[in-house]
């Protein structure tokens, strides 16, 4: 939905990449790979973003000799904060759609958001799902939202029995999630 405001899906993907890592500098080929877009489309959109001062273009110099150009987010741009807020709202809408999709999966007894969804990237998974869920349906859902969100979603699926056993055994993986920052999307009390 938000790509219509920006006029280009490639431009939106690039903005997500830059705002996800505001201190990073990227080369064109790297951006093309990260965005999953052809290099000429990336070059065209970078030119537009440089013209609008949202992105800055710099030369990579090695011993005084110019090698390649790299691109970075221009945090001094007048549009920086407003654009970041708009992108964040767009991501929140996509995350809400993902949550609704997870809630609609059959036989889900528990869903926890952790990792990137709560700003704790050091946690071992982004979504913990407990239930008797079709792995294919779950994989399709995750792939759909990975494209929308612009990053790979690390998710873990346990059967109710496996989850109960891991909790009983004080499994390090499960307790890292339970003791770390997380958001309960589907509470454990929901029955099959």
N, C-alpha and C. Protein backbone atom coordinates (compact mmCIF):
# COMPACT_ATOMS: atom_id res chain seq x y z
N UNK A 1 0.82 -1.19 0.00
CA UNK A 1 0.00 0.00 0.00
C UNK A 1 0.87 1.26 0.00
N UNK A 2 1.87 1.30 0.87
CA UNK A 2 2.69 2.50 1.00
C UNK A 2 3.53 2.75 -0.25
N UNK A 3 3.81 1.69 -1.05
CA UNK A 3 4.62 1.89 -2.25
C UNK A 3 3.95 2.82 -3.25
N UNK A 4 2.61 2.93 -3.18
CA UNK A 4 1.90 3.85 -4.08
C UNK A 4 2.24 5.31 -3.76
N UNK A 5 2.50 5.60 -2.50
CA UNK A 5 2.88 6.96 -2.11
C UNK A 5 4.25 7.33 -2.65
N UNK A 6 5.11 6.33 -2.77
CA UNK A 6 6.48 6.60 -3.19
C UNK A 6 6.66 6.45 -4.70
N UNK A 7 5.68 5.90 -5.38
CA UNK A 7 5.74 5.79 -6.83
C UNK A 7 6.57 4.64 -7.35
N UNK A 8 7.23 3.90 -6.47
CA UNK A 8 8.10 2.83 -6.92
C UNK A 8 8.34 1.84 -5.78
N UNK A 9 8.17 0.57 -6.07
CA UNK A 9 8.47 -0.46 -5.06
C UNK A 9 9.97 -0.51 -4.77
N UNK A 10 10.77 -0.30 -5.80
CA UNK A 10 12.23 -0.31 -5.61
C UNK A 10 12.65 0.83 -4.69
N UNK A 11 12.10 2.00 -4.87
CA UNK A 11 12.43 3.15 -4.02
C UNK A 11 12.06 2.85 -2.57
N UNK A 12 10.89 2.25 -2.38
CA UNK A 12 10.45 1.91 -1.02
C UNK A 12 11.38 0.87 -0.40
N UNK A 13 11.77 -0.14 -1.17
CA UNK A 13 12.71 -1.15 -0.65
C UNK A 13 14.03 -0.51 -0.25
N UNK A 14 14.52 0.40 -1.08
CA UNK A 14 15.78 1.08 -0.77
C UNK A 14 15.66 1.91 0.51
N UNK A 15 14.56 2.63 0.64
CA UNK A 15 14.36 3.43 1.86
C UNK A 15 14.32 2.55 3.10
N UNK A 16 13.64 1.41 3.00
CA UNK A 16 13.60 0.47 4.13
C UNK A 16 15.01 0.00 4.49
N UNK A 17 15.82 -0.30 3.48
CA UNK A 17 17.19 -0.74 3.73
C UNK A 17 17.98 0.35 4.44
N UNK A 18 17.90 1.57 3.95
CA UNK A 18 18.65 2.67 4.55
C UNK A 18 18.17 2.99 5.97
N UNK A 19 16.87 2.99 6.19
CA UNK A 19 16.36 3.32 7.52
C UNK A 19 16.55 2.19 8.52
N UNK A 20 16.66 0.96 8.03
CA UNK A 20 16.92 -0.17 8.93
C UNK A 20 18.34 -0.10 9.47
N UNK A 21 19.27 0.42 8.66
CA UNK A 21 20.66 0.56 9.07
C UNK A 21 21.13 1.99 8.76
N UNK A 22 20.71 2.95 9.57
CA UNK A 22 20.96 4.37 9.26
C UNK A 22 22.43 4.77 9.22
N UNK A 23 23.31 4.03 9.86
CA UNK A 23 24.73 4.38 9.88
C UNK A 23 25.51 3.71 8.75
N UNK A 24 24.89 2.75 8.08
CA UNK A 24 25.60 1.94 7.08
C UNK A 24 25.77 2.69 5.76
N UNK A 25 26.80 2.26 5.02
CA UNK A 25 27.04 2.78 3.67
C UNK A 25 26.98 1.58 2.73
N UNK A 26 26.34 1.77 1.59
CA UNK A 26 26.11 0.66 0.67
C UNK A 26 26.62 0.99 -0.73
N UNK A 27 27.12 -0.03 -1.40
CA UNK A 27 27.45 0.08 -2.82
C UNK A 27 26.23 -0.33 -3.63
N UNK A 28 26.19 0.08 -4.89
CA UNK A 28 25.02 -0.17 -5.74
C UNK A 28 24.72 -1.66 -5.85
N UNK A 29 25.72 -2.47 -6.11
CA UNK A 29 25.49 -3.92 -6.26
C UNK A 29 24.94 -4.53 -4.97
N UNK A 30 25.43 -4.07 -3.85
CA UNK A 30 24.95 -4.56 -2.56
C UNK A 30 23.48 -4.20 -2.37
N UNK A 31 23.12 -2.98 -2.72
CA UNK A 31 21.72 -2.55 -2.62
C UNK A 31 20.83 -3.35 -3.57
N UNK A 32 21.34 -3.62 -4.75
CA UNK A 32 20.58 -4.41 -5.72
C UNK A 32 20.29 -5.81 -5.17
N UNK A 33 21.29 -6.40 -4.54
CA UNK A 33 21.13 -7.73 -3.94
C UNK A 33 20.16 -7.69 -2.76
N UNK A 34 20.32 -6.72 -1.88
CA UNK A 34 19.46 -6.61 -0.70
C UNK A 34 18.01 -6.32 -1.07
N UNK A 35 17.81 -5.52 -2.11
CA UNK A 35 16.45 -5.17 -2.54
C UNK A 35 15.84 -6.23 -3.45
N UNK A 36 16.69 -7.11 -3.98
CA UNK A 36 16.18 -8.12 -4.90
C UNK A 36 15.66 -7.50 -6.19
N UNK A 37 16.36 -6.46 -6.64
CA UNK A 37 15.92 -5.68 -7.80
C UNK A 37 17.09 -5.53 -8.77
N UNK A 38 16.78 -5.35 -10.04
CA UNK A 38 17.82 -5.17 -11.05
C UNK A 38 18.64 -3.91 -10.76
N UNK A 39 19.91 -4.00 -11.09
CA UNK A 39 20.84 -2.93 -10.75
C UNK A 39 20.49 -1.60 -11.43
N UNK A 40 19.97 -1.63 -12.65
CA UNK A 40 19.61 -0.38 -13.33
C UNK A 40 18.45 0.32 -12.63
N UNK A 41 17.49 -0.45 -12.14
CA UNK A 41 16.37 0.14 -11.39
C UNK A 41 16.88 0.77 -10.09
N UNK A 42 17.84 0.11 -9.45
CA UNK A 42 18.42 0.64 -8.21
C UNK A 42 19.16 1.94 -8.51
N UNK A 43 19.95 1.97 -9.57
CA UNK A 43 20.68 3.20 -9.94
C UNK A 43 19.71 4.36 -10.19
N UNK A 44 18.64 4.06 -10.91
CA UNK A 44 17.64 5.10 -11.24
C UNK A 44 17.02 5.66 -9.95
N UNK A 45 16.64 4.78 -9.03
CA UNK A 45 16.00 5.24 -7.79
C UNK A 45 17.00 5.94 -6.87
N UNK A 46 18.24 5.49 -6.86
CA UNK A 46 19.25 6.18 -6.06
C UNK A 46 19.46 7.60 -6.56
N UNK A 47 19.45 7.78 -7.87
CA UNK A 47 19.60 9.13 -8.44
C UNK A 47 18.46 10.03 -7.96
N UNK A 48 17.25 9.49 -7.93
CA UNK A 48 16.09 10.27 -7.44
C UNK A 48 16.26 10.60 -5.97
N UNK A 49 16.67 9.63 -5.17
CA UNK A 49 16.81 9.85 -3.72
C UNK A 49 17.96 10.81 -3.40
N UNK A 50 19.02 10.77 -4.20
CA UNK A 50 20.12 11.72 -4.01
C UNK A 50 19.65 13.13 -4.35
N UNK A 51 18.88 13.27 -5.43
CA UNK A 51 18.35 14.57 -5.84
C UNK A 51 17.46 15.17 -4.76
N UNK A 52 16.69 14.33 -4.07
CA UNK A 52 15.80 14.82 -3.01
C UNK A 52 16.53 15.00 -1.68
N UNK A 53 17.82 14.73 -1.64
CA UNK A 53 18.70 14.84 -0.47
C UNK A 53 18.38 13.85 0.64
N UNK A 54 17.58 12.86 0.39
CA UNK A 54 17.28 11.84 1.41
C UNK A 54 18.49 10.92 1.58
N UNK A 55 19.16 10.64 0.48
CA UNK A 55 20.35 9.79 0.46
C UNK A 55 21.52 10.65 0.00
N UNK A 56 22.70 10.38 0.56
CA UNK A 56 23.89 11.09 0.09
C UNK A 56 24.81 10.11 -0.65
N UNK A 57 25.45 10.63 -1.67
CA UNK A 57 26.37 9.84 -2.49
C UNK A 57 27.78 10.26 -2.14
N UNK A 58 28.66 9.30 -1.89
CA UNK A 58 30.04 9.61 -1.54
C UNK A 58 30.97 8.73 -2.35
N UNK A 59 32.19 9.22 -2.54
CA UNK A 59 33.20 8.44 -3.25
C UNK A 59 33.98 7.62 -2.25
N UNK A 60 34.26 6.38 -2.62
CA UNK A 60 35.11 5.51 -1.83
C UNK A 60 36.53 5.72 -2.34
N UNK A 61 37.36 6.33 -1.53
CA UNK A 61 38.72 6.62 -1.98
C UNK A 61 39.71 5.69 -1.30
N UNK A 62 40.70 5.30 -2.06
CA UNK A 62 41.75 4.43 -1.54
C UNK A 62 43.09 5.05 -1.94
N UNK A 63 43.75 5.69 -1.01
CA UNK A 63 45.01 6.34 -1.31
C UNK A 63 44.88 7.51 -2.26
N UNK A 64 43.77 8.25 -2.15
CA UNK A 64 43.56 9.41 -2.99
C UNK A 64 42.93 9.09 -4.34
N UNK A 65 42.84 7.83 -4.66
CA UNK A 65 42.26 7.42 -5.95
C UNK A 65 40.80 7.03 -5.75
N UNK A 66 39.91 7.64 -6.54
CA UNK A 66 38.48 7.33 -6.43
C UNK A 66 38.22 5.94 -6.99
N UNK A 67 37.55 5.13 -6.22
CA UNK A 67 37.26 3.76 -6.64
C UNK A 67 35.80 3.63 -7.08
N UNK A 68 34.90 3.63 -6.11
CA UNK A 68 33.47 3.44 -6.38
C UNK A 68 32.68 4.43 -5.54
N UNK A 69 31.42 4.55 -5.90
CA UNK A 69 30.52 5.40 -5.12
C UNK A 69 29.75 4.52 -4.15
N UNK A 70 29.50 5.07 -2.97
CA UNK A 70 28.62 4.38 -2.06
C UNK A 70 27.56 5.35 -1.59
N UNK A 71 26.51 4.82 -1.02
CA UNK A 71 25.33 5.61 -0.65
C UNK A 71 25.00 5.39 0.81
N UNK A 72 24.55 6.47 1.45
CA UNK A 72 24.19 6.40 2.87
C UNK A 72 22.99 7.31 3.12
N UNK A 73 22.30 7.04 4.19
CA UNK A 73 21.16 7.86 4.59
C UNK A 73 21.68 9.24 5.01
N UNK A 74 21.04 10.28 4.52
CA UNK A 74 21.41 11.64 4.89
C UNK A 74 20.57 12.05 6.10
N UNK A 75 21.14 11.89 7.28
CA UNK A 75 20.40 12.20 8.51
C UNK A 75 20.21 13.69 8.72
N UNK A 76 20.89 14.52 7.92
CA UNK A 76 20.73 15.97 8.01
C UNK A 76 19.62 16.49 7.10
N UNK A 77 19.04 15.61 6.31
CA UNK A 77 17.97 16.02 5.39
C UNK A 77 16.75 16.50 6.16
N UNK A 78 16.08 17.50 5.62
CA UNK A 78 14.86 18.01 6.26
C UNK A 78 13.76 16.95 6.31
N UNK A 79 13.81 16.00 5.40
CA UNK A 79 12.78 14.96 5.32
C UNK A 79 13.10 13.74 6.18
N UNK A 80 14.29 13.69 6.75
CA UNK A 80 14.76 12.47 7.44
C UNK A 80 13.77 11.95 8.48
N UNK A 81 13.41 12.75 9.45
CA UNK A 81 12.55 12.27 10.54
C UNK A 81 11.14 11.95 10.08
N UNK A 82 10.58 12.80 9.24
CA UNK A 82 9.21 12.57 8.78
C UNK A 82 9.12 11.32 7.92
N UNK A 83 10.09 11.13 7.06
CA UNK A 83 10.11 9.95 6.20
C UNK A 83 10.30 8.68 7.04
N UNK A 84 11.17 8.76 8.04
CA UNK A 84 11.37 7.62 8.94
C UNK A 84 10.09 7.27 9.68
N UNK A 85 9.37 8.28 10.14
CA UNK A 85 8.11 8.03 10.85
C UNK A 85 7.07 7.39 9.93
N UNK A 86 7.01 7.85 8.69
CA UNK A 86 6.07 7.29 7.72
C UNK A 86 6.41 5.83 7.41
N UNK A 87 7.69 5.55 7.22
CA UNK A 87 8.10 4.17 6.96
C UNK A 87 7.80 3.27 8.15
N UNK A 88 7.99 3.79 9.36
CA UNK A 88 7.70 3.02 10.56
C UNK A 88 6.21 2.70 10.65
N UNK A 89 5.37 3.67 10.35
CA UNK A 89 3.92 3.42 10.37
C UNK A 89 3.53 2.38 9.33
N UNK A 90 4.13 2.46 8.16
CA UNK A 90 3.86 1.48 7.11
C UNK A 90 4.28 0.08 7.55
N UNK A 91 5.41 -0.01 8.24
CA UNK A 91 5.86 -1.32 8.73
C UNK A 91 4.93 -1.83 9.82
N UNK A 92 4.44 -0.94 10.67
CA UNK A 92 3.50 -1.36 11.71
C UNK A 92 2.22 -1.91 11.11
N UNK A 93 1.76 -1.31 10.01
CA UNK A 93 0.57 -1.84 9.33
C UNK A 93 0.83 -3.23 8.78
N UNK A 94 2.00 -3.43 8.19
CA UNK A 94 2.36 -4.75 7.67
C UNK A 94 2.48 -5.77 8.80
N UNK A 95 3.06 -5.34 9.93
CA UNK A 95 3.17 -6.24 11.07
C UNK A 95 1.79 -6.62 11.60
N UNK A 96 0.86 -5.68 11.60
CA UNK A 96 -0.50 -5.98 12.05
C UNK A 96 -1.17 -6.99 11.11
N UNK A 97 -0.93 -6.84 9.81
CA UNK A 97 -1.46 -7.81 8.84
C UNK A 97 -0.87 -9.19 9.11
N UNK A 98 0.42 -9.26 9.43
CA UNK A 98 1.06 -10.53 9.76
C UNK A 98 0.43 -11.14 11.00
N UNK A 99 0.22 -10.32 12.02
CA UNK A 99 -0.40 -10.80 13.26
C UNK A 99 -1.78 -11.37 12.97
N UNK A 100 -2.56 -10.67 12.16
CA UNK A 100 -3.90 -11.17 11.80
C UNK A 100 -3.79 -12.49 11.04
N UNK A 101 -2.82 -12.60 10.15
CA UNK A 101 -2.61 -13.85 9.42
C UNK A 101 -2.24 -15.00 10.34
N UNK A 102 -1.40 -14.72 11.35
CA UNK A 102 -1.02 -15.75 12.31
C UNK A 102 -2.20 -16.18 13.17
N UNK A 103 -3.02 -15.21 13.55
CA UNK A 103 -4.20 -15.54 14.37
C UNK A 103 -5.19 -16.40 13.60
N UNK A 104 -5.22 -16.25 12.28
CA UNK A 104 -6.17 -17.01 11.46
C UNK A 104 -5.69 -18.41 11.10
N UNK A 105 -4.44 -18.73 11.42
CA UNK A 105 -3.97 -20.10 11.16
C UNK A 105 -4.73 -21.06 12.07
N UNK A 106 -5.08 -22.21 11.53
CA UNK A 106 -5.83 -23.20 12.32
C UNK A 106 -4.93 -23.81 13.39
N UNK A 107 -5.53 -24.12 14.52
CA UNK A 107 -4.89 -24.88 15.59
C UNK A 107 -3.67 -24.20 16.22
N UNK A 108 -3.63 -22.88 16.23
CA UNK A 108 -2.54 -22.16 16.89
C UNK A 108 -2.92 -21.96 18.35
N UNK A 109 -2.01 -22.37 19.25
CA UNK A 109 -2.30 -22.21 20.68
C UNK A 109 -1.48 -21.11 21.33
N UNK A 110 -0.39 -20.69 20.69
CA UNK A 110 0.45 -19.62 21.24
C UNK A 110 1.25 -18.98 20.11
N UNK A 111 1.28 -17.65 20.10
CA UNK A 111 2.16 -16.91 19.18
C UNK A 111 2.81 -15.79 19.97
N UNK A 112 4.14 -15.76 19.94
CA UNK A 112 4.92 -14.70 20.58
C UNK A 112 5.75 -13.99 19.51
N UNK A 113 5.73 -12.68 19.53
CA UNK A 113 6.63 -11.89 18.69
C UNK A 113 7.84 -11.53 19.54
N UNK A 114 9.02 -11.74 18.99
CA UNK A 114 10.24 -11.37 19.69
C UNK A 114 11.24 -10.90 18.64
N UNK A 115 12.50 -10.87 18.96
CA UNK A 115 13.52 -10.51 17.98
C UNK A 115 13.30 -9.15 17.35
N UNK A 116 13.33 -9.11 16.02
CA UNK A 116 13.22 -7.84 15.29
C UNK A 116 11.90 -7.12 15.54
N UNK A 117 10.85 -7.87 15.86
CA UNK A 117 9.54 -7.25 16.04
C UNK A 117 9.44 -6.46 17.34
N UNK A 118 10.35 -6.70 18.27
CA UNK A 118 10.31 -5.97 19.54
C UNK A 118 11.63 -5.24 19.81
N UNK A 119 12.46 -5.13 18.78
CA UNK A 119 13.72 -4.41 18.92
C UNK A 119 14.78 -5.17 19.69
N UNK A 120 14.70 -6.49 19.70
CA UNK A 120 15.67 -7.33 20.40
C UNK A 120 16.25 -8.34 19.42
N UNK A 121 17.09 -7.86 18.51
CA UNK A 121 17.60 -8.72 17.44
C UNK A 121 18.54 -9.81 17.94
N UNK A 122 18.99 -9.71 19.20
CA UNK A 122 19.87 -10.74 19.74
C UNK A 122 19.12 -12.01 20.14
N UNK A 123 17.79 -11.95 20.19
CA UNK A 123 17.00 -13.14 20.53
C UNK A 123 17.05 -14.13 19.37
N UNK A 124 16.92 -15.44 19.66
CA UNK A 124 17.12 -16.46 18.63
C UNK A 124 16.03 -16.59 17.57
N UNK A 125 14.87 -15.99 17.76
CA UNK A 125 13.80 -16.09 16.78
C UNK A 125 12.95 -14.82 16.82
N UNK A 126 12.28 -14.54 15.72
CA UNK A 126 11.41 -13.37 15.65
C UNK A 126 9.97 -13.72 16.01
N UNK A 127 9.56 -14.94 15.70
CA UNK A 127 8.19 -15.39 16.00
C UNK A 127 8.25 -16.82 16.51
N UNK A 128 7.62 -17.06 17.65
CA UNK A 128 7.47 -18.42 18.19
C UNK A 128 6.01 -18.80 18.03
N UNK A 129 5.77 -19.92 17.35
CA UNK A 129 4.40 -20.38 17.08
C UNK A 129 4.26 -21.78 17.67
N UNK A 130 3.20 -21.98 18.44
CA UNK A 130 2.91 -23.29 19.00
C UNK A 130 1.55 -23.72 18.49
N UNK A 131 1.48 -24.94 17.97
CA UNK A 131 0.21 -25.46 17.48
C UNK A 131 0.42 -26.51 16.42
N UNK A 132 -0.68 -27.04 15.95
CA UNK A 132 -0.64 -28.02 14.87
C UNK A 132 -0.95 -27.28 13.56
N UNK A 133 0.06 -26.65 13.04
CA UNK A 133 -0.08 -25.77 11.89
C UNK A 133 0.57 -26.42 10.68
N UNK A 134 -0.05 -26.27 9.52
CA UNK A 134 0.54 -26.74 8.28
C UNK A 134 1.83 -25.95 8.02
N UNK A 135 2.94 -26.67 7.92
CA UNK A 135 4.22 -26.00 7.69
C UNK A 135 4.23 -25.27 6.35
N UNK A 136 3.55 -25.83 5.36
CA UNK A 136 3.49 -25.18 4.05
C UNK A 136 2.71 -23.87 4.12
N UNK A 137 1.57 -23.88 4.80
CA UNK A 137 0.76 -22.66 4.94
C UNK A 137 1.54 -21.60 5.70
N UNK A 138 2.26 -22.01 6.74
CA UNK A 138 3.06 -21.08 7.53
C UNK A 138 4.20 -20.51 6.68
N UNK A 139 4.84 -21.36 5.91
CA UNK A 139 5.94 -20.91 5.06
C UNK A 139 5.45 -19.90 4.03
N UNK A 140 4.30 -20.17 3.42
CA UNK A 140 3.73 -19.23 2.43
C UNK A 140 3.43 -17.88 3.09
N UNK A 141 2.84 -17.92 4.28
CA UNK A 141 2.52 -16.68 5.01
C UNK A 141 3.79 -15.89 5.31
N UNK A 142 4.82 -16.57 5.78
CA UNK A 142 6.08 -15.89 6.12
C UNK A 142 6.75 -15.30 4.88
N UNK A 143 6.74 -16.04 3.79
CA UNK A 143 7.35 -15.52 2.56
C UNK A 143 6.62 -14.28 2.06
N UNK A 144 5.31 -14.30 2.18
CA UNK A 144 4.51 -13.14 1.76
C UNK A 144 4.89 -11.90 2.58
N UNK A 145 5.06 -12.06 3.88
CA UNK A 145 5.36 -10.91 4.73
C UNK A 145 6.84 -10.55 4.73
N UNK A 146 7.71 -11.49 4.40
CA UNK A 146 9.12 -11.14 4.25
C UNK A 146 9.28 -10.15 3.10
N UNK A 147 8.52 -10.35 2.04
CA UNK A 147 8.57 -9.41 0.91
C UNK A 147 8.06 -8.04 1.33
N UNK A 148 6.96 -8.01 2.08
CA UNK A 148 6.38 -6.73 2.52
C UNK A 148 7.28 -6.00 3.50
N UNK A 149 7.83 -6.76 4.46
CA UNK A 149 8.62 -6.13 5.52
C UNK A 149 10.06 -5.86 5.09
N UNK A 150 10.54 -6.61 4.10
CA UNK A 150 11.88 -6.36 3.60
C UNK A 150 12.99 -7.04 4.38
N UNK A 151 12.68 -8.03 5.18
CA UNK A 151 13.70 -8.79 5.88
C UNK A 151 13.24 -10.23 6.09
N UNK A 152 14.20 -11.11 6.31
CA UNK A 152 13.91 -12.52 6.55
C UNK A 152 13.37 -12.68 7.97
N UNK A 153 12.23 -13.32 8.09
CA UNK A 153 11.62 -13.55 9.40
C UNK A 153 12.11 -14.89 9.94
N UNK A 154 12.75 -14.84 11.09
CA UNK A 154 13.19 -16.08 11.75
C UNK A 154 12.02 -16.56 12.60
N UNK A 155 11.42 -17.67 12.22
CA UNK A 155 10.28 -18.18 12.98
C UNK A 155 10.53 -19.61 13.41
N UNK A 156 9.88 -19.98 14.51
CA UNK A 156 10.01 -21.31 15.07
C UNK A 156 8.63 -21.87 15.32
N UNK A 157 8.41 -23.11 14.88
CA UNK A 157 7.13 -23.78 15.06
C UNK A 157 7.34 -25.01 15.94
N UNK A 158 6.56 -25.09 17.02
CA UNK A 158 6.57 -26.26 17.90
C UNK A 158 5.17 -26.83 17.98
N UNK A 159 5.09 -28.15 18.12
CA UNK A 159 3.80 -28.76 18.46
C UNK A 159 3.56 -28.44 19.93
N UNK A 160 2.30 -28.48 20.39
CA UNK A 160 2.03 -28.20 21.81
C UNK A 160 2.82 -29.12 22.74
N UNK A 161 2.97 -30.38 22.35
CA UNK A 161 3.70 -31.33 23.19
C UNK A 161 5.19 -30.98 23.27
N UNK A 162 5.78 -30.65 22.13
CA UNK A 162 7.19 -30.30 22.11
C UNK A 162 7.45 -29.02 22.91
N UNK A 163 6.57 -28.04 22.78
CA UNK A 163 6.71 -26.79 23.54
C UNK A 163 6.62 -27.07 25.04
N UNK A 164 5.62 -27.87 25.45
CA UNK A 164 5.45 -28.21 26.87
C UNK A 164 6.68 -28.94 27.40
N UNK A 165 7.21 -29.86 26.61
CA UNK A 165 8.40 -30.61 27.02
C UNK A 165 9.61 -29.68 27.15
N UNK A 166 9.78 -28.79 26.21
CA UNK A 166 10.91 -27.85 26.26
C UNK A 166 10.79 -26.91 27.46
N UNK A 167 9.58 -26.47 27.76
CA UNK A 167 9.38 -25.62 28.95
C UNK A 167 9.70 -26.40 30.21
N UNK A 168 9.23 -27.65 30.26
CA UNK A 168 9.44 -28.49 31.44
C UNK A 168 10.94 -28.73 31.67
N UNK A 169 11.69 -28.88 30.58
CA UNK A 169 13.12 -29.15 30.67
C UNK A 169 13.95 -27.87 30.81
N UNK A 170 13.27 -26.72 30.90
CA UNK A 170 13.95 -25.42 31.00
C UNK A 170 14.90 -25.20 29.82
N UNK A 171 14.40 -25.51 28.63
CA UNK A 171 15.16 -25.38 27.39
C UNK A 171 15.69 -23.96 27.24
N UNK A 172 16.98 -23.84 26.96
CA UNK A 172 17.65 -22.54 26.85
C UNK A 172 17.03 -21.67 25.75
N UNK A 173 16.72 -22.27 24.60
CA UNK A 173 16.14 -21.55 23.47
C UNK A 173 14.79 -20.94 23.85
N UNK A 174 13.91 -21.76 24.41
CA UNK A 174 12.56 -21.30 24.78
C UNK A 174 12.64 -20.24 25.87
N UNK A 175 13.48 -20.45 26.87
CA UNK A 175 13.55 -19.49 27.96
C UNK A 175 14.24 -18.19 27.56
N UNK A 176 15.12 -18.23 26.57
CA UNK A 176 15.70 -16.97 26.06
C UNK A 176 14.59 -16.09 25.51
N UNK A 177 13.60 -16.71 24.86
CA UNK A 177 12.47 -15.95 24.30
C UNK A 177 11.53 -15.51 25.41
N UNK A 178 11.18 -16.43 26.31
CA UNK A 178 10.22 -16.11 27.37
C UNK A 178 10.76 -15.08 28.36
N UNK A 179 12.06 -15.11 28.61
CA UNK A 179 12.64 -14.16 29.55
C UNK A 179 13.07 -12.86 28.88
N UNK A 180 13.21 -12.89 27.56
CA UNK A 180 13.57 -11.69 26.81
C UNK A 180 12.33 -10.88 26.49
N UNK A 181 12.55 -9.77 25.78
CA UNK A 181 11.41 -8.94 25.37
C UNK A 181 10.58 -9.71 24.35
N UNK A 182 9.29 -9.72 24.55
CA UNK A 182 8.39 -10.37 23.61
C UNK A 182 6.99 -9.82 23.78
N UNK A 183 6.16 -10.06 22.77
CA UNK A 183 4.76 -9.65 22.80
C UNK A 183 3.92 -10.89 22.52
N UNK A 184 2.95 -11.14 23.38
CA UNK A 184 2.05 -12.27 23.18
C UNK A 184 0.95 -11.85 22.23
N UNK A 185 0.83 -12.54 21.10
CA UNK A 185 -0.18 -12.24 20.10
C UNK A 185 -1.39 -13.15 20.27
N UNK A 186 -1.12 -14.43 20.47
CA UNK A 186 -2.17 -15.40 20.77
C UNK A 186 -1.80 -16.01 22.11
N UNK A 187 -2.61 -15.79 23.15
CA UNK A 187 -2.26 -16.30 24.47
C UNK A 187 -2.31 -17.83 24.53
N UNK A 188 -1.51 -18.38 25.41
CA UNK A 188 -1.37 -19.84 25.54
C UNK A 188 -2.65 -20.52 25.98
N UNK A 189 -3.57 -19.80 26.56
CA UNK A 189 -4.80 -20.40 27.08
C UNK A 189 -5.77 -20.82 26.00
N UNK A 190 -5.55 -20.36 24.76
CA UNK A 190 -6.44 -20.71 23.65
C UNK A 190 -6.39 -22.21 23.41
N UNK A 191 -7.55 -22.84 23.32
CA UNK A 191 -7.59 -24.30 23.15
C UNK A 191 -7.58 -24.68 21.69
N UNK A 192 -7.17 -25.94 21.44
CA UNK A 192 -7.14 -26.45 20.06
C UNK A 192 -8.51 -26.70 19.52
